[in-house]
């Protein structure tokens, strides 16, 4: 999966020191091993997925508020049904991204 951060060569990105609890590091190392990614690639992938999910959630909330805001009951119902379909598409995209994972670094 290509992402903006994966378009640059790793060597051109400045190192970033990160402190974390040993238990958390061990969990991430285990996940990295299971997914065939480096520790760095696993951390970056998980951060990117978290940010995408946050942005998607905010968009869904705004859209649902707009859909419920006005019009007749039939219009609101139609708008909410459309939002449910959009939520389903978004969930499928997130699931696919999680299964695909990043390109290994």
C-alpha atoms as a PDB file:
ATOM      1  CA  UNK A   1       0.000   0.000   0.000  1.00  0.00           C
ATOM      2  CA  UNK A   2       1.495   3.331  -1.033  1.00  0.00           C
ATOM      3  CA  UNK A   3       1.171   6.167   1.421  1.00  0.00           C
ATOM      4  CA  UNK A   4       2.609   9.675   1.371  1.00  0.00           C
ATOM      5  CA  UNK A   5       5.212   8.641   3.921  1.00  0.00           C
ATOM      6  CA  UNK A   6       6.224   5.546   1.937  1.00  0.00           C
ATOM      7  CA  UNK A   7       6.947   7.557  -1.215  1.00  0.00           C
ATOM      8  CA  UNK A   8      10.251   8.825   0.187  1.00  0.00           C
ATOM      9  CA  UNK A   9      13.329   6.670   0.542  1.00  0.00           C
ATOM     10  CA  UNK A  10      13.895   5.583   4.119  1.00  0.00           C
ATOM     11  CA  UNK A  11      17.450   6.935   4.079  1.00  0.00           C
ATOM     12  CA  UNK A  12      16.149  10.460   3.430  1.00  0.00           C
ATOM     13  CA  UNK A  13      13.943  10.511   6.534  1.00  0.00           C
ATOM     14  CA  UNK A  14      15.528  11.828   9.721  1.00  0.00           C
ATOM     15  CA  UNK A  15      15.596   9.323  12.610  1.00  0.00           C
ATOM     16  CA  UNK A  16      13.069   9.846  15.383  1.00  0.00           C
ATOM     17  CA  UNK A  17      13.777   8.609  18.900  1.00  0.00           C
ATOM     18  CA  UNK A  18      10.806   7.069  20.663  1.00  0.00           C
ATOM     19  CA  UNK A  19      10.461   5.938  24.258  1.00  0.00           C
ATOM     20  CA  UNK A  20       7.858   3.354  25.164  1.00  0.00           C
ATOM     21  CA  UNK A  21       7.147   0.894  27.912  1.00  0.00           C
ATOM     22  CA  UNK A  22       8.932  -2.454  27.400  1.00  0.00           C
ATOM     23  CA  UNK A  23       5.620  -4.345  27.408  1.00  0.00           C
ATOM     24  CA  UNK A  24       4.261  -2.188  24.595  1.00  0.00           C
ATOM     25  CA  UNK A  25       7.474  -2.552  22.601  1.00  0.00           C
ATOM     26  CA  UNK A  26       7.283  -6.318  22.974  1.00  0.00           C
ATOM     27  CA  UNK A  27       3.691  -6.348  21.717  1.00  0.00           C
ATOM     28  CA  UNK A  28       4.597  -4.250  18.679  1.00  0.00           C
ATOM     29  CA  UNK A  29       7.657  -6.409  17.977  1.00  0.00           C
ATOM     30  CA  UNK A  30       5.444  -9.514  18.043  1.00  0.00           C
ATOM     31  CA  UNK A  31       2.953  -7.894  15.660  1.00  0.00           C
ATOM     32  CA  UNK A  32       5.781  -6.774  13.363  1.00  0.00           C
ATOM     33  CA  UNK A  33       7.176 -10.288  13.257  1.00  0.00           C
ATOM     34  CA  UNK A  34       3.740 -11.771  12.573  1.00  0.00           C
ATOM     35  CA  UNK A  35       3.098  -9.315   9.735  1.00  0.00           C
ATOM     36  CA  UNK A  36       6.578  -9.584   8.244  1.00  0.00           C
ATOM     37  CA  UNK A  37       7.383  -5.921   8.822  1.00  0.00           C
ATOM     38  CA  UNK A  38      10.252  -4.201  10.570  1.00  0.00           C
ATOM     39  CA  UNK A  39       9.533  -2.610  13.941  1.00  0.00           C
ATOM     40  CA  UNK A  40       9.700   0.819  12.310  1.00  0.00           C
ATOM     41  CA  UNK A  41       7.330  -0.180   9.489  1.00  0.00           C
ATOM     42  CA  UNK A  42       4.860  -1.637  11.995  1.00  0.00           C
ATOM     43  CA  UNK A  43       4.835   1.534  14.115  1.00  0.00           C
ATOM     44  CA  UNK A  44       4.446   3.789  11.057  1.00  0.00           C
ATOM     45  CA  UNK A  45       1.694   1.601   9.602  1.00  0.00           C
ATOM     46  CA  UNK A  46      -0.244   1.569  12.866  1.00  0.00           C
ATOM     47  CA  UNK A  47       0.032   5.351  13.244  1.00  0.00           C
ATOM     48  CA  UNK A  48      -1.151   5.888   9.669  1.00  0.00           C
ATOM     49  CA  UNK A  49      -4.120   3.553  10.203  1.00  0.00           C
ATOM     50  CA  UNK A  50      -5.046   5.365  13.412  1.00  0.00           C
ATOM     51  CA  UNK A  51      -4.957   8.772  11.707  1.00  0.00           C
ATOM     52  CA  UNK A  52      -7.024   7.500   8.771  1.00  0.00           C
ATOM     53  CA  UNK A  53      -9.613   6.040  11.149  1.00  0.00           C
ATOM     54  CA  UNK A  54      -9.814   9.317  13.085  1.00  0.00           C
ATOM     55  CA  UNK A  55     -10.318  11.345   9.913  1.00  0.00           C
ATOM     56  CA  UNK A  56     -12.920   8.901   8.619  1.00  0.00           C
ATOM     57  CA  UNK A  57     -14.827   8.928  11.911  1.00  0.00           C
ATOM     58  CA  UNK A  58     -14.935  12.721  11.978  1.00  0.00           C
ATOM     59  CA  UNK A  59     -16.256  12.783   8.423  1.00  0.00           C
ATOM     60  CA  UNK A  60     -18.944  10.238   9.241  1.00  0.00           C
ATOM     61  CA  UNK A  61     -20.095  12.167  12.293  1.00  0.00           C
ATOM     62  CA  UNK A  62     -20.388  15.414  10.307  1.00  0.00           C
ATOM     63  CA  UNK A  63     -22.278  13.652   7.520  1.00  0.00           C
ATOM     64  CA  UNK A  64     -24.684  11.989   9.951  1.00  0.00           C
ATOM     65  CA  UNK A  65     -25.390  15.327  11.639  1.00  0.00           C
ATOM     66  CA  UNK A  66     -26.116  16.908   8.238  1.00  0.00           C
ATOM     67  CA  UNK A  67     -28.372  14.012   7.291  1.00  0.00           C
ATOM     68  CA  UNK A  68     -30.382  14.313  10.496  1.00  0.00           C
ATOM     69  CA  UNK A  69     -30.547  18.118  10.464  1.00  0.00           C
ATOM     70  CA  UNK A  70     -33.550  18.941   8.368  1.00  0.00           C
ATOM     71  CA  UNK A  71     -36.211  18.098   5.877  1.00  0.00           C
ATOM     72  CA  UNK A  72     -39.180  15.822   6.121  1.00  0.00           C
ATOM     73  CA  UNK A  73     -38.937  12.500   7.943  1.00  0.00           C
ATOM     74  CA  UNK A  74     -38.709  10.708   4.566  1.00  0.00           C
ATOM     75  CA  UNK A  75     -35.858  12.991   3.450  1.00  0.00           C
ATOM     76  CA  UNK A  76     -33.978  12.452   6.709  1.00  0.00           C
ATOM     77  CA  UNK A  77     -34.490   8.690   6.448  1.00  0.00           C
ATOM     78  CA  UNK A  78     -33.175   8.659   2.882  1.00  0.00           C
ATOM     79  CA  UNK A  79     -30.165  10.727   3.918  1.00  0.00           C
ATOM     80  CA  UNK A  80     -29.447   8.413   6.858  1.00  0.00           C
ATOM     81  CA  UNK A  81     -29.744   5.344   4.633  1.00  0.00           C
ATOM     82  CA  UNK A  82     -27.201   6.891   2.275  1.00  0.00           C
ATOM     83  CA  UNK A  83     -24.896   7.541   5.228  1.00  0.00           C
ATOM     84  CA  UNK A  84     -25.200   3.904   6.328  1.00  0.00           C
ATOM     85  CA  UNK A  85     -24.092   2.822   2.855  1.00  0.00           C
ATOM     86  CA  UNK A  86     -21.152   5.237   3.033  1.00  0.00           C
ATOM     87  CA  UNK A  87     -20.208   3.850   6.458  1.00  0.00           C
ATOM     88  CA  UNK A  88     -20.250   0.321   5.065  1.00  0.00           C
ATOM     89  CA  UNK A  89     -17.957   1.344   2.196  1.00  0.00           C
ATOM     90  CA  UNK A  90     -15.606   3.052   4.648  1.00  0.00           C
ATOM     91  CA  UNK A  91     -15.471   0.008   6.897  1.00  0.00           C
ATOM     92  CA  UNK A  92     -14.679  -2.228   3.936  1.00  0.00           C
ATOM     93  CA  UNK A  93     -11.845   0.119   2.938  1.00  0.00           C
ATOM     94  CA  UNK A  94     -10.431   0.085   6.473  1.00  0.00           C
ATOM     95  CA  UNK A  95     -10.620  -3.719   6.627  1.00  0.00           C
ATOM     96  CA  UNK A  96      -8.880  -4.021   3.268  1.00  0.00           C
ATOM     97  CA  UNK A  97      -6.146  -1.585   4.346  1.00  0.00           C
ATOM     98  CA  UNK A  98      -5.622  -3.565   7.535  1.00  0.00           C
ATOM     99  CA  UNK A  99      -5.336  -6.826   5.602  1.00  0.00           C
ATOM    100  CA  UNK A 100      -3.036  -5.385   2.933  1.00  0.00           C
ATOM    101  CA  UNK A 101      -0.694  -3.703   5.403  1.00  0.00           C
ATOM    102  CA  UNK A 102       2.156  -1.460   4.286  1.00  0.00           C
ATOM    103  CA  UNK A 103       5.019  -2.224   2.013  1.00  0.00           C
ATOM    104  CA  UNK A 104       7.857  -3.415   4.220  1.00  0.00           C
ATOM    105  CA  UNK A 105      10.533  -0.879   5.078  1.00  0.00           C
END
